[in-house]
N, C-alpha and C. Protein backbone atom coordinates (compact mmCIF):
# COMPACT_ATOMS: atom_id res chain seq x y z
N MET A 1 10.03 38.67 -4.56
CA MET A 1 8.65 38.46 -4.19
C MET A 1 8.67 37.94 -2.69
N GLY A 2 7.88 38.61 -1.82
CA GLY A 2 7.74 38.25 -0.50
C GLY A 2 6.72 37.12 -0.34
N ARG A 3 6.64 36.55 0.86
CA ARG A 3 5.69 35.44 1.08
C ARG A 3 4.21 35.86 0.82
N ARG A 4 3.86 37.15 1.12
CA ARG A 4 2.52 37.58 0.83
C ARG A 4 2.11 37.47 -0.63
N LYS A 5 3.08 38.01 -1.45
CA LYS A 5 2.91 37.93 -2.87
C LYS A 5 2.99 36.51 -3.36
N ALA A 6 3.82 35.69 -2.76
CA ALA A 6 3.88 34.22 -3.17
C ALA A 6 2.57 33.57 -2.82
N ARG A 7 1.87 33.91 -1.64
CA ARG A 7 0.65 33.32 -1.34
C ARG A 7 -0.47 33.83 -2.42
N GLU A 8 -0.33 35.09 -2.86
CA GLU A 8 -1.24 35.55 -3.91
C GLU A 8 -1.06 34.72 -5.16
N ARG A 9 0.19 34.42 -5.53
CA ARG A 9 0.43 33.64 -6.73
C ARG A 9 -0.13 32.21 -6.52
N ALA A 10 0.08 31.63 -5.37
CA ALA A 10 -0.46 30.26 -5.02
C ALA A 10 -2.00 30.30 -5.15
N LEU A 11 -2.66 31.26 -4.64
CA LEU A 11 -4.05 31.46 -4.66
C LEU A 11 -4.54 31.46 -6.16
N GLN A 12 -3.86 32.22 -6.85
CA GLN A 12 -4.32 32.42 -8.34
C GLN A 12 -4.09 31.02 -9.05
N ILE A 13 -3.11 30.30 -8.75
CA ILE A 13 -2.86 29.03 -9.34
C ILE A 13 -3.91 28.07 -8.91
N LEU A 14 -4.24 28.07 -7.60
CA LEU A 14 -5.23 27.12 -7.05
C LEU A 14 -6.55 27.41 -7.60
N PHE A 15 -6.93 28.75 -7.76
CA PHE A 15 -8.15 29.15 -8.35
C PHE A 15 -8.32 28.62 -9.74
N GLN A 16 -7.30 28.73 -10.58
CA GLN A 16 -7.34 28.14 -12.00
C GLN A 16 -7.67 26.61 -11.93
N VAL A 17 -7.01 25.89 -10.97
CA VAL A 17 -7.17 24.49 -10.91
C VAL A 17 -8.62 24.11 -10.50
N ASP A 18 -9.00 24.95 -9.43
CA ASP A 18 -10.38 24.68 -8.84
C ASP A 18 -11.49 25.01 -9.81
N MET A 19 -11.45 26.22 -10.27
CA MET A 19 -12.60 26.69 -11.13
C MET A 19 -12.54 26.31 -12.57
N GLY A 20 -11.34 26.15 -13.20
CA GLY A 20 -11.19 25.89 -14.56
C GLY A 20 -10.75 24.47 -14.83
N GLY A 21 -10.48 23.69 -13.78
CA GLY A 21 -9.94 22.34 -14.07
C GLY A 21 -8.63 22.24 -14.70
N THR A 22 -7.87 23.38 -14.59
CA THR A 22 -6.48 23.44 -15.21
C THR A 22 -5.48 22.52 -14.42
N ASP A 23 -4.69 21.86 -15.10
CA ASP A 23 -3.59 21.09 -14.41
C ASP A 23 -2.74 22.04 -13.61
N PRO A 24 -2.23 21.61 -12.47
CA PRO A 24 -1.47 22.58 -11.69
C PRO A 24 -0.29 23.08 -12.31
N GLN A 25 0.48 22.22 -13.02
CA GLN A 25 1.67 22.68 -13.70
C GLN A 25 1.35 23.72 -14.83
N GLU A 26 0.19 23.48 -15.56
CA GLU A 26 -0.24 24.31 -16.57
C GLU A 26 -0.61 25.68 -15.96
N ALA A 27 -1.29 25.70 -14.86
CA ALA A 27 -1.67 26.81 -14.21
C ALA A 27 -0.47 27.69 -13.74
N MET A 28 0.50 26.96 -13.26
CA MET A 28 1.78 27.62 -12.84
C MET A 28 2.39 28.28 -14.04
N LYS A 29 2.48 27.59 -15.17
CA LYS A 29 3.08 28.12 -16.39
C LYS A 29 2.26 29.32 -16.91
N ASN A 30 0.91 29.26 -16.77
CA ASN A 30 0.04 30.40 -17.22
C ASN A 30 0.38 31.60 -16.42
N MET A 31 0.54 31.50 -15.09
CA MET A 31 0.92 32.60 -14.27
C MET A 31 2.23 33.13 -14.58
N ASP A 32 3.27 32.32 -14.89
CA ASP A 32 4.51 32.79 -15.28
C ASP A 32 4.40 33.64 -16.62
N GLU A 33 3.56 33.06 -17.61
CA GLU A 33 3.49 33.85 -18.86
C GLU A 33 2.66 35.10 -18.67
N SER A 34 1.67 35.16 -17.79
CA SER A 34 0.90 36.35 -17.62
C SER A 34 1.55 37.45 -16.74
N PHE A 35 2.29 37.00 -15.72
CA PHE A 35 2.80 37.96 -14.77
C PHE A 35 4.35 37.96 -14.63
N GLY A 36 4.96 37.11 -15.48
CA GLY A 36 6.49 36.93 -15.40
C GLY A 36 6.83 35.90 -14.43
N PRO A 37 7.99 35.33 -14.56
CA PRO A 37 8.53 34.29 -13.66
C PRO A 37 8.72 34.85 -12.25
N VAL A 38 8.63 33.95 -11.38
CA VAL A 38 8.88 34.29 -10.00
C VAL A 38 10.32 34.41 -9.75
N ASP A 39 10.84 35.47 -9.11
CA ASP A 39 12.28 35.68 -8.89
C ASP A 39 12.76 34.90 -7.71
N ASN A 40 11.95 34.72 -6.65
CA ASN A 40 12.26 33.98 -5.43
C ASN A 40 10.99 33.42 -4.87
N ASN A 41 11.15 32.68 -3.83
CA ASN A 41 10.01 31.90 -3.12
C ASN A 41 9.33 30.97 -4.15
N VAL A 42 10.03 30.46 -5.13
CA VAL A 42 9.44 29.39 -5.98
C VAL A 42 9.11 28.15 -5.18
N ASP A 43 10.04 27.74 -4.27
CA ASP A 43 9.79 26.56 -3.48
C ASP A 43 8.56 26.72 -2.56
N PHE A 44 8.47 28.00 -2.01
CA PHE A 44 7.27 28.20 -1.14
C PHE A 44 5.95 28.11 -1.94
N ILE A 45 5.99 28.65 -3.11
CA ILE A 45 4.75 28.67 -3.95
C ILE A 45 4.36 27.21 -4.30
N ASN A 46 5.47 26.42 -4.65
CA ASN A 46 5.22 24.98 -5.05
C ASN A 46 4.71 24.21 -3.81
N ARG A 47 5.27 24.56 -2.67
CA ARG A 47 4.85 23.86 -1.38
C ARG A 47 3.43 24.11 -1.12
N ILE A 48 3.00 25.39 -1.18
CA ILE A 48 1.58 25.72 -0.96
C ILE A 48 0.61 25.02 -1.95
N VAL A 49 0.98 25.20 -3.25
CA VAL A 49 0.11 24.73 -4.18
C VAL A 49 -0.03 23.17 -4.25
N MET A 50 1.10 22.49 -4.31
CA MET A 50 1.16 20.99 -4.45
C MET A 50 0.74 20.43 -3.01
N GLY A 51 1.16 21.03 -2.00
CA GLY A 51 0.75 20.54 -0.60
C GLY A 51 -0.70 20.64 -0.39
N THR A 52 -1.35 21.79 -0.79
CA THR A 52 -2.77 21.92 -0.63
C THR A 52 -3.52 20.90 -1.49
N LEU A 53 -3.01 20.70 -2.74
CA LEU A 53 -3.68 19.72 -3.62
C LEU A 53 -3.53 18.31 -3.14
N ASP A 54 -2.30 17.96 -2.59
CA ASP A 54 -1.99 16.69 -2.10
C ASP A 54 -2.93 16.32 -0.93
N ASN A 55 -3.34 17.28 -0.09
CA ASN A 55 -4.18 17.10 1.11
C ASN A 55 -5.57 17.62 1.00
N LEU A 56 -5.92 17.81 -0.29
CA LEU A 56 -7.32 18.45 -0.57
C LEU A 56 -8.40 17.71 0.09
N GLU A 57 -8.47 16.46 0.08
CA GLU A 57 -9.55 15.75 0.63
C GLU A 57 -9.68 16.02 2.12
N PHE A 58 -8.60 15.89 2.90
CA PHE A 58 -8.58 16.28 4.27
C PHE A 58 -9.01 17.66 4.53
N ILE A 59 -8.39 18.66 3.80
CA ILE A 59 -8.70 20.06 3.93
C ILE A 59 -10.12 20.37 3.62
N ASN A 60 -10.72 19.78 2.53
CA ASN A 60 -12.19 19.94 2.30
C ASN A 60 -13.10 19.38 3.35
N GLN A 61 -12.74 18.22 3.86
CA GLN A 61 -13.53 17.58 4.94
C GLN A 61 -13.52 18.54 6.05
N THR A 62 -12.46 19.07 6.39
CA THR A 62 -12.30 20.05 7.56
C THR A 62 -13.15 21.24 7.33
N ILE A 63 -13.03 21.78 6.16
CA ILE A 63 -13.88 23.07 5.90
C ILE A 63 -15.35 22.76 5.99
N THR A 64 -15.76 21.56 5.45
CA THR A 64 -17.10 21.17 5.47
C THR A 64 -17.60 20.99 6.96
N SER A 65 -16.83 20.35 7.74
CA SER A 65 -17.15 20.16 9.13
C SER A 65 -17.32 21.41 9.93
N VAL A 66 -16.51 22.35 9.65
CA VAL A 66 -16.43 23.67 10.31
C VAL A 66 -17.55 24.60 9.83
N SER A 67 -17.72 24.69 8.61
CA SER A 67 -18.64 25.66 8.04
C SER A 67 -20.09 25.15 7.89
N GLN A 68 -20.75 25.26 9.07
CA GLN A 68 -22.10 24.79 9.13
C GLN A 68 -23.00 25.54 8.22
N ASP A 69 -23.90 24.80 7.60
CA ASP A 69 -24.82 25.39 6.68
C ASP A 69 -24.27 26.01 5.41
N TRP A 70 -23.01 25.60 5.09
CA TRP A 70 -22.42 26.09 3.89
C TRP A 70 -21.84 24.92 3.12
N ASP A 71 -22.33 24.69 1.97
CA ASP A 71 -21.87 23.75 1.08
C ASP A 71 -20.57 24.21 0.46
N LEU A 72 -19.54 23.37 0.39
CA LEU A 72 -18.20 23.76 -0.10
C LEU A 72 -18.34 24.35 -1.55
N LYS A 73 -19.23 23.75 -2.37
CA LYS A 73 -19.35 24.35 -3.74
C LYS A 73 -20.08 25.66 -3.80
N ARG A 74 -20.82 25.99 -2.76
CA ARG A 74 -21.55 27.28 -2.80
C ARG A 74 -20.58 28.44 -2.30
N MET A 75 -19.56 28.14 -1.67
CA MET A 75 -18.60 29.18 -1.21
C MET A 75 -18.04 29.80 -2.43
N ALA A 76 -17.75 31.10 -2.28
CA ALA A 76 -17.02 31.81 -3.38
C ALA A 76 -15.64 31.12 -3.58
N GLY A 77 -15.34 30.98 -4.86
CA GLY A 77 -14.06 30.37 -5.24
C GLY A 77 -12.82 30.88 -4.51
N ALA A 78 -12.75 32.23 -4.47
CA ALA A 78 -11.56 32.79 -3.80
C ALA A 78 -11.63 32.46 -2.42
N ASP A 79 -12.66 32.57 -1.66
CA ASP A 79 -12.82 32.27 -0.28
C ASP A 79 -12.47 30.79 0.01
N ARG A 80 -12.94 29.95 -0.79
CA ARG A 80 -12.63 28.52 -0.64
C ARG A 80 -11.15 28.18 -0.70
N ASN A 81 -10.54 28.77 -1.76
CA ASN A 81 -9.14 28.52 -1.93
C ASN A 81 -8.18 29.29 -0.93
N ILE A 82 -8.66 30.39 -0.45
CA ILE A 82 -7.94 31.09 0.63
C ILE A 82 -7.96 30.28 1.87
N ILE A 83 -9.11 29.65 2.28
CA ILE A 83 -9.25 28.82 3.42
C ILE A 83 -8.42 27.57 3.27
N ARG A 84 -8.34 27.06 2.03
CA ARG A 84 -7.60 25.87 1.79
C ARG A 84 -6.12 26.16 2.07
N ILE A 85 -5.65 27.25 1.54
CA ILE A 85 -4.17 27.55 1.74
C ILE A 85 -3.94 27.75 3.21
N ALA A 86 -4.78 28.48 3.96
CA ALA A 86 -4.57 28.67 5.37
C ALA A 86 -4.53 27.31 6.18
N PHE A 87 -5.59 26.49 5.88
CA PHE A 87 -5.56 25.24 6.54
C PHE A 87 -4.37 24.36 6.20
N TYR A 88 -3.85 24.43 4.96
CA TYR A 88 -2.66 23.67 4.67
C TYR A 88 -1.46 24.14 5.54
N GLU A 89 -1.35 25.51 5.61
CA GLU A 89 -0.25 26.10 6.47
C GLU A 89 -0.46 25.73 7.89
N ILE A 90 -1.67 25.87 8.40
CA ILE A 90 -1.88 25.61 9.74
C ILE A 90 -1.64 24.06 10.13
N PHE A 91 -2.10 23.21 9.33
CA PHE A 91 -2.06 21.84 9.65
C PHE A 91 -0.72 21.18 9.27
N PHE A 92 -0.06 21.61 8.16
CA PHE A 92 1.04 20.92 7.72
C PHE A 92 2.40 21.69 7.59
N CYS A 93 2.35 22.99 7.92
CA CYS A 93 3.64 23.79 7.80
C CYS A 93 4.02 24.25 9.07
N ARG A 94 5.01 23.60 9.67
CA ARG A 94 5.58 23.93 11.01
C ARG A 94 6.33 25.39 11.00
N ASP A 95 6.70 25.69 9.73
CA ASP A 95 7.46 27.04 9.73
C ASP A 95 6.59 28.20 9.58
N THR A 96 5.31 28.08 9.55
CA THR A 96 4.32 29.17 9.46
C THR A 96 3.49 29.13 10.74
N PRO A 97 3.65 30.17 11.64
CA PRO A 97 2.88 30.37 12.76
C PRO A 97 1.44 30.47 12.41
N ASN A 98 0.60 29.85 13.20
CA ASN A 98 -0.95 29.83 12.94
C ASN A 98 -1.45 31.27 12.77
N ASN A 99 -0.98 32.20 13.67
CA ASN A 99 -1.55 33.56 13.52
C ASN A 99 -1.11 34.27 12.25
N VAL A 100 0.07 33.87 11.68
CA VAL A 100 0.52 34.35 10.41
C VAL A 100 -0.34 33.80 9.25
N ALA A 101 -0.67 32.50 9.38
CA ALA A 101 -1.52 31.90 8.32
C ALA A 101 -2.93 32.53 8.35
N VAL A 102 -3.50 32.83 9.56
CA VAL A 102 -4.80 33.47 9.58
C VAL A 102 -4.73 34.82 9.11
N ASN A 103 -3.71 35.63 9.53
CA ASN A 103 -3.67 37.06 9.14
C ASN A 103 -3.51 37.12 7.61
N GLU A 104 -2.62 36.38 7.08
CA GLU A 104 -2.40 36.32 5.65
C GLU A 104 -3.70 35.91 4.86
N ALA A 105 -4.42 35.01 5.45
CA ALA A 105 -5.69 34.65 4.76
C ALA A 105 -6.70 35.70 4.77
N ILE A 106 -6.85 36.38 5.93
CA ILE A 106 -7.71 37.56 6.03
C ILE A 106 -7.29 38.63 5.02
N GLU A 107 -6.07 38.95 4.86
CA GLU A 107 -5.64 39.93 3.94
C GLU A 107 -5.89 39.51 2.51
N LEU A 108 -5.68 38.25 2.20
CA LEU A 108 -6.05 37.72 0.86
C LEU A 108 -7.55 37.90 0.61
N GLY A 109 -8.35 37.66 1.68
CA GLY A 109 -9.78 37.72 1.55
C GLY A 109 -10.21 39.20 1.29
N LYS A 110 -9.51 40.13 1.86
CA LYS A 110 -9.82 41.60 1.64
C LYS A 110 -9.57 41.97 0.17
N THR A 111 -8.51 41.44 -0.37
CA THR A 111 -8.03 41.68 -1.73
C THR A 111 -8.74 40.95 -2.74
N TYR A 112 -9.02 39.67 -2.57
CA TYR A 112 -9.56 38.90 -3.70
C TYR A 112 -11.02 38.45 -3.44
N GLY A 113 -11.53 38.66 -2.21
CA GLY A 113 -12.90 38.08 -1.91
C GLY A 113 -13.82 39.20 -1.96
N GLY A 114 -15.06 38.92 -1.50
CA GLY A 114 -16.13 39.88 -1.51
C GLY A 114 -16.15 40.64 -0.23
N GLU A 115 -17.18 41.47 -0.10
CA GLU A 115 -17.29 42.45 1.00
C GLU A 115 -17.19 41.77 2.41
N ASP A 116 -17.77 40.56 2.50
CA ASP A 116 -17.68 39.79 3.85
C ASP A 116 -16.72 38.70 3.87
N SER A 117 -15.84 38.60 2.91
CA SER A 117 -14.93 37.48 2.89
C SER A 117 -13.99 37.44 4.06
N ALA A 118 -13.44 38.55 4.32
CA ALA A 118 -12.36 38.49 5.43
C ALA A 118 -13.08 38.00 6.76
N ARG A 119 -14.29 38.51 7.07
CA ARG A 119 -15.02 38.05 8.27
C ARG A 119 -15.34 36.67 8.23
N PHE A 120 -15.79 36.16 7.10
CA PHE A 120 -16.17 34.75 6.81
C PHE A 120 -14.87 33.82 7.02
N ILE A 121 -13.89 34.20 6.40
CA ILE A 121 -12.55 33.47 6.48
C ILE A 121 -12.05 33.39 7.89
N ASN A 122 -12.15 34.61 8.62
CA ASN A 122 -11.67 34.55 10.00
C ASN A 122 -12.51 33.67 10.84
N GLY A 123 -13.83 33.71 10.59
CA GLY A 123 -14.67 32.81 11.43
C GLY A 123 -14.39 31.33 11.26
N ILE A 124 -14.19 30.91 9.98
CA ILE A 124 -13.83 29.45 9.75
C ILE A 124 -12.54 29.09 10.39
N LEU A 125 -11.56 29.87 10.06
CA LEU A 125 -10.23 29.65 10.77
C LEU A 125 -10.27 29.62 12.23
N GLY A 126 -11.02 30.63 12.76
CA GLY A 126 -11.08 30.81 14.23
C GLY A 126 -11.73 29.61 14.95
N LYS A 127 -12.73 28.92 14.27
CA LYS A 127 -13.34 27.78 14.87
C LYS A 127 -12.34 26.66 15.07
N VAL A 128 -11.60 26.51 13.97
CA VAL A 128 -10.54 25.40 14.09
C VAL A 128 -9.48 25.73 15.16
N LEU A 129 -8.98 26.94 15.16
CA LEU A 129 -7.97 27.34 16.14
C LEU A 129 -8.50 27.36 17.63
N ALA A 130 -9.77 27.59 17.77
CA ALA A 130 -10.36 27.57 19.16
C ALA A 130 -10.25 26.15 19.80
N LYS A 131 -10.42 25.08 18.92
CA LYS A 131 -10.41 23.72 19.40
C LYS A 131 -9.55 22.92 18.46
N PRO A 132 -8.28 23.12 18.37
CA PRO A 132 -7.47 22.53 17.32
C PRO A 132 -7.39 20.95 17.45
N GLU A 133 -7.53 20.45 18.72
CA GLU A 133 -7.40 19.04 18.92
C GLU A 133 -8.55 18.30 18.12
N ASP A 134 -9.71 19.00 17.87
CA ASP A 134 -10.80 18.38 17.19
C ASP A 134 -10.59 18.30 15.71
N TYR A 135 -9.61 18.98 15.12
CA TYR A 135 -9.47 19.07 13.74
C TYR A 135 -8.03 18.61 13.18
N PHE A 136 -7.00 18.76 14.03
CA PHE A 136 -5.64 18.44 13.45
C PHE A 136 -5.62 17.02 12.98
N PRO A 137 -4.98 16.79 11.87
CA PRO A 137 -4.87 15.46 11.28
C PRO A 137 -4.22 14.43 12.19
N LYS A 138 -4.66 13.21 12.06
CA LYS A 138 -3.98 12.16 12.84
C LYS A 138 -2.77 11.74 12.09
N THR A 139 -1.91 11.07 12.80
CA THR A 139 -0.72 10.54 12.11
C THR A 139 -1.08 9.70 10.96
N GLY A 140 -0.50 10.00 9.78
CA GLY A 140 -0.76 9.24 8.60
C GLY A 140 -1.77 9.89 7.69
N ASP A 141 -2.54 10.89 8.16
CA ASP A 141 -3.50 11.52 7.47
C ASP A 141 -2.93 12.40 6.30
N ALA A 142 -1.68 12.95 6.58
CA ALA A 142 -1.13 13.94 5.65
C ALA A 142 -0.59 13.20 4.48
N LYS A 143 -0.92 13.68 3.33
CA LYS A 143 -0.25 13.17 2.04
C LYS A 143 1.13 13.70 1.88
N SER A 144 1.23 14.96 2.18
CA SER A 144 2.55 15.61 2.19
C SER A 144 2.56 16.80 3.14
N THR A 145 3.65 17.13 3.74
CA THR A 145 3.79 18.25 4.54
C THR A 145 4.81 19.18 3.96
N CYS A 146 5.00 20.39 4.45
CA CYS A 146 5.92 21.32 3.95
C CYS A 146 7.32 20.74 4.00
N ASP A 147 7.54 20.00 5.15
CA ASP A 147 8.90 19.33 5.34
C ASP A 147 9.20 18.15 4.31
N GLN A 148 8.08 17.50 3.91
CA GLN A 148 8.24 16.29 3.07
C GLN A 148 8.28 16.68 1.56
N ARG A 149 7.61 17.81 1.25
CA ARG A 149 7.40 18.12 -0.18
C ARG A 149 8.73 18.40 -0.92
N ASN A 150 8.92 17.61 -1.99
CA ASN A 150 10.11 17.83 -2.74
C ASN A 150 9.86 18.83 -3.83
N THR A 151 10.07 20.13 -3.47
CA THR A 151 9.65 21.18 -4.43
C THR A 151 10.51 21.18 -5.71
N THR A 152 11.69 20.71 -5.67
CA THR A 152 12.45 20.70 -6.85
C THR A 152 11.93 19.85 -7.93
N ALA A 153 11.18 18.86 -7.49
CA ALA A 153 10.66 17.87 -8.54
C ALA A 153 9.40 18.36 -9.12
N SER A 154 8.82 19.48 -8.67
CA SER A 154 7.56 20.04 -9.12
C SER A 154 7.83 21.12 -10.21
N PRO A 155 7.63 20.61 -11.47
CA PRO A 155 7.85 21.51 -12.60
C PRO A 155 6.76 22.59 -12.73
N GLY A 156 7.06 23.63 -13.45
CA GLY A 156 6.00 24.55 -13.68
C GLY A 156 6.40 26.02 -13.34
N ILE A 157 7.00 26.21 -12.25
CA ILE A 157 7.36 27.61 -11.85
C ILE A 157 8.75 27.68 -12.18
N THR A 158 9.22 28.79 -12.86
CA THR A 158 10.56 28.96 -13.23
C THR A 158 11.22 30.10 -12.36
N THR A 159 12.42 30.10 -12.29
CA THR A 159 13.09 31.23 -11.59
C THR A 159 13.70 32.19 -12.49
């Protein structure tokens, strides 16, 4: 499983957590049962899911401040979670170039979102990247980063 497919799996897990109130580990288990266990990139999926959830308050505040006239709860669930993943990678994952995070989010939007999702997602992410100094977290704001996340301690995804 490449990173694009791993992001898809992470999106599906976050969607279950967001829309259904499912526990993250239970959502991971559900995905394994429905689509089979992940053969590789388990750590990457765990980093995205748990890191996004760890930093959800900061990420949601950023989305709200950027998306004028859009209430976070009114956004389509897929769009909201795609943007969350992208912001997690942009803000907290040094191993993912910003342009990769944006391009992957746009592609996820084309696959899982509505007709205008890719354009909407690109607009939100573009605003942050146009003036990153206005949005990047201050020291101490991060609950966990890709470098800090202990993925082996996160149960749920099997190899």
